[in-house]
Amino acid sequence: MITGEGKFDGQTLEGKVVKGVIDRCIIQKKPVVVLCAISEQAEDFTSTYPSVKLIELLNAEEQKTIDPTVTKNKLIEAVSSLFKD
């Protein structure tokens, strides 16, 4: 399962759809990948949900401007990399 959020932060794990998707995938023992442009909770999240892959698309410099074209290209690149093998 691939799900996503523009900004992955404290609110993400407090009842948003992404949290529901993660919980259902864990219960059903299905892999889940969370794509986000920006993450403020990466370390806390990965320690709480080690089986879930979190991919932050934009680096610190890119986050300052959030160019839609850069974000779109990063998203395409990230999703493509998931299906290479």
Protein backbone atom coordinates (compact mmCIF):
# COMPACT_ATOMS: atom_id res chain seq x y z
CA MET A 1 0.00 0.00 0.00
CA ILE A 2 1.24 3.46 -0.81
CA THR A 3 -0.25 6.44 1.01
CA GLY A 4 0.86 10.00 1.49
CA GLU A 5 0.63 13.33 3.20
CA GLY A 6 1.91 16.75 2.17
CA LYS A 7 3.39 17.45 5.60
CA PHE A 8 3.94 14.50 7.91
CA ASP A 9 3.70 15.90 11.44
CA GLY A 10 2.11 15.26 14.83
CA GLN A 11 -1.40 15.61 13.42
CA THR A 12 -0.76 12.84 10.90
CA LEU A 13 -0.84 10.16 13.58
CA GLU A 14 -3.84 11.64 15.41
CA GLY A 15 -6.70 10.29 13.34
CA LYS A 16 -5.92 11.35 9.77
CA VAL A 17 -6.50 8.91 6.92
CA VAL A 18 -2.80 8.05 6.70
CA LYS A 19 -2.88 6.71 10.28
CA GLY A 20 -5.91 4.55 9.48
CA VAL A 21 -4.19 3.13 6.39
CA ILE A 22 -1.04 2.36 8.40
CA ASP A 23 -3.01 0.65 11.18
CA ARG A 24 -4.99 -1.51 8.74
CA CYS A 25 -1.85 -2.54 6.85
CA ILE A 26 -0.11 -3.51 10.07
CA ILE A 27 -3.10 -5.57 11.23
CA GLN A 28 -3.28 -7.33 7.86
CA LYS A 29 0.52 -7.72 7.73
CA LYS A 30 0.74 -5.81 4.45
CA PRO A 31 3.65 -3.57 3.49
CA VAL A 32 2.98 0.16 3.59
CA VAL A 33 4.93 3.14 2.29
CA VAL A 34 4.18 6.72 3.34
CA LEU A 35 5.27 9.45 0.93
CA CYS A 36 5.45 13.03 2.15
CA ALA A 37 6.93 16.27 0.92
CA ILE A 38 8.03 17.32 4.41
CA SER A 39 8.42 15.30 7.60
CA GLU A 40 8.66 16.69 11.11
CA GLN A 41 8.19 13.32 12.81
CA ALA A 42 10.50 10.93 10.92
CA GLU A 43 12.58 9.72 13.88
CA ASP A 44 9.62 9.28 16.24
CA PHE A 45 7.61 7.61 13.52
CA THR A 46 10.23 5.09 12.43
CA SER A 47 10.88 4.03 16.02
CA THR A 48 7.14 3.54 16.65
CA TYR A 49 6.41 1.92 13.27
CA PRO A 50 9.60 0.14 12.17
CA SER A 51 7.77 -1.93 9.53
CA VAL A 52 6.47 1.17 7.71
CA LYS A 53 8.69 2.89 5.16
CA LEU A 54 8.55 6.70 5.32
CA ILE A 55 9.92 8.57 2.29
CA GLU A 56 10.44 12.31 2.59
CA LEU A 57 10.56 13.76 -0.91
CA LEU A 58 12.13 17.18 -0.37
CA ASN A 59 15.45 18.00 1.25
CA ALA A 60 15.88 21.02 3.52
CA GLU A 61 16.84 23.34 0.66
CA GLU A 62 13.93 22.24 -1.53
CA GLN A 63 11.51 22.70 1.37
CA LYS A 64 12.28 26.43 1.46
CA THR A 65 10.73 27.02 -1.96
CA ILE A 66 8.48 23.96 -2.52
CA ASP A 67 8.52 24.12 -6.31
CA PRO A 68 5.60 22.00 -7.62
CA THR A 69 7.67 20.72 -10.55
CA VAL A 70 10.48 19.55 -8.25
CA THR A 71 7.95 17.91 -5.92
CA LYS A 72 6.21 16.15 -8.81
CA ASN A 73 9.50 14.86 -10.21
CA LYS A 74 10.62 13.65 -6.78
CA LEU A 75 7.29 11.86 -6.32
CA ILE A 76 7.60 10.11 -9.68
CA GLU A 77 11.17 9.13 -8.86
CA ALA A 78 10.23 7.77 -5.41
CA VAL A 79 7.28 5.71 -6.67
CA SER A 80 9.30 4.39 -9.61
CA SER A 81 12.07 3.26 -7.26
CA LEU A 82 9.55 1.20 -5.29
CA PHE A 83 8.78 -0.90 -8.37
CA LYS A 84 12.27 -1.38 -9.82
CA ASP A 85 12.81 -4.81 -8.30
